[in-house]
C-alpha atoms as a PDB file:
ATOM      1  CA  MET A   1      13.655  23.526  31.812  1.00  0.00           C
ATOM      2  CA  GLN A   2      10.782  25.334  30.432  1.00  0.00           C
ATOM      3  CA  PHE A   3      12.817  26.334  27.512  1.00  0.00           C
ATOM      4  CA  LEU A   4      13.997  22.867  26.685  1.00  0.00           C
ATOM      5  CA  SER A   5      10.328  21.685  26.950  1.00  0.00           C
ATOM      6  CA  PHE A   6       9.321  24.607  24.444  1.00  0.00           C
ATOM      7  CA  LEU A   7      12.009  23.523  22.118  1.00  0.00           C
ATOM      8  CA  ALA A   8      10.866  19.885  22.301  1.00  0.00           C
ATOM      9  CA  LEU A   9       7.398  21.093  21.553  1.00  0.00           C
ATOM     10  CA  LEU A  10       8.549  22.993  18.456  1.00  0.00           C
ATOM     11  CA  GLY A  11      10.420  19.964  17.153  1.00  0.00           C
ATOM     12  CA  ILE A  12       7.335  17.794  17.582  1.00  0.00           C
ATOM     13  CA  ALA A  13       5.137  20.284  15.942  1.00  0.00           C
ATOM     14  CA  TYR A  14       7.533  20.492  13.098  1.00  0.00           C
ATOM     15  CA  LEU A  15       7.727  16.969  12.634  1.00  0.00           C
ATOM     16  CA  LEU A  16       3.961  16.658  12.621  1.00  0.00           C
ATOM     17  CA  TRP A  17       3.771  19.363   9.986  1.00  0.00           C
ATOM     18  CA  ARG A  18       6.301  17.530   7.677  1.00  0.00           C
ATOM     19  CA  LEU A  19       4.291  14.428   8.216  1.00  0.00           C
ATOM     20  CA  THR A  20       0.921  15.944   7.326  1.00  0.00           C
ATOM     21  CA  ASP A  21       2.606  17.531   4.378  1.00  0.00           C
ATOM     22  CA  GLN A  22       3.447  13.880   3.059  1.00  0.00           C
ATOM     23  CA  ILE A  23       0.256  12.272   3.841  1.00  0.00           C
ATOM     24  CA  PRO A  24      -1.189  12.622   0.196  1.00  0.00           C
ATOM     25  CA  ASP A  25       1.716  10.978  -1.323  1.00  0.00           C
ATOM     26  CA  ILE A  26       1.714   8.287   1.265  1.00  0.00           C
ATOM     27  CA  VAL A  27      -2.054   7.544   0.578  1.00  0.00           C
ATOM     28  CA  PHE A  28      -1.536   7.477  -3.188  1.00  0.00           C
ATOM     29  CA  ARG A  29       1.412   4.994  -2.818  1.00  0.00           C
ATOM     30  CA  LEU A  30      -0.617   2.821  -0.655  1.00  0.00           C
ATOM     31  CA  SER A  31      -3.463   2.767  -3.025  1.00  0.00           C
ATOM     32  CA  GLU A  32      -1.008   1.821  -5.834  1.00  0.00           C
ATOM     33  CA  ILE A  33       0.363  -1.084  -3.628  1.00  0.00           C
ATOM     34  CA  GLN A  34      -3.152  -2.243  -2.733  1.00  0.00           C
ATOM     35  CA  ARG A  35      -4.144  -2.136  -6.507  1.00  0.00           C
ATOM     36  CA  ASP A  36      -1.096  -4.050  -7.757  1.00  0.00           C
ATOM     37  CA  THR A  37      -1.685  -6.573  -4.799  1.00  0.00           C
ATOM     38  CA  ALA A  38      -5.207  -7.190  -5.844  1.00  0.00           C
ATOM     39  CA  GLU A  39      -4.147  -7.648  -9.521  1.00  0.00           C
ATOM     40  CA  LEU A  40      -1.535 -10.233  -8.547  1.00  0.00           C
ATOM     41  CA  LEU A  41      -3.985 -12.144  -6.334  1.00  0.00           C
ATOM     42  CA  ARG A  42      -6.659 -12.033  -9.274  1.00  0.00           C
ATOM     43  CA  LEU A  43      -4.066 -13.400 -11.790  1.00  0.00           C
ATOM     44  CA  SER A  44      -2.984 -16.089  -9.336  1.00  0.00           C
ATOM     45  CA  LYS A  45      -6.512 -17.200  -8.888  1.00  0.00           C
ATOM     46  CA  ALA A  46      -7.196 -17.177 -12.456  1.00  0.00           C
ATOM     47  CA  LYS A  47      -4.109 -19.258 -13.293  1.00  0.00           C
ATOM     48  CA  ALA A  48      -5.116 -21.735 -10.422  1.00  0.00           C
ATOM     49  CA  ASN A  49      -8.569 -21.902 -11.943  1.00  0.00           C
ATOM     50  CA  ASP A  50      -7.202 -22.557 -15.456  1.00  0.00           C
ATOM     51  CA  ALA A  51      -4.870 -25.335 -14.014  1.00  0.00           C
ATOM     52  CA  ASP A  52      -7.881 -27.049 -12.183  1.00  0.00           C
ATOM     53  CA  ALA A  53     -10.199 -27.028 -15.236  1.00  0.00           C
ATOM     54  CA  PRO A  54      -9.976 -29.915 -17.562  1.00  0.00           C
ATOM     55  CA  ALA A  55      -8.697 -29.125 -21.067  1.00  0.00           C
ATOM     56  CA  ALA A  56     -11.521 -29.078 -23.605  1.00  0.00           C
ATOM     57  CA  ASP A  57      -9.177 -29.576 -26.604  1.00  0.00           C
ATOM     58  CA  SER A  58      -7.877 -32.978 -25.395  1.00  0.00           C
ATOM     59  CA  GLU A  59     -11.075 -34.848 -26.435  1.00  0.00           C
ATOM     60  CA  ASP A  60     -10.128 -34.682 -30.342  1.00  0.00           C
END
C-alpha cells in the first residue's frame, strides 16, 4: 500500500511539474485573449456611439 501511495505521489509531482512548466505560455495566451476582448469591446462601443450620434453632413 505504501508503494502505491508513493507512485501516486510521484505521479502528482510529475503532473504539477508539467503544469508549472506551461504556466508562462498559459499566462501569455490569456493576456492575448484579454487584449483581443478589450479591443472588440472598445470597437463595439465606438460603433454604438457612432450610430447614436446624429450625422453632421445631413444638414446640407
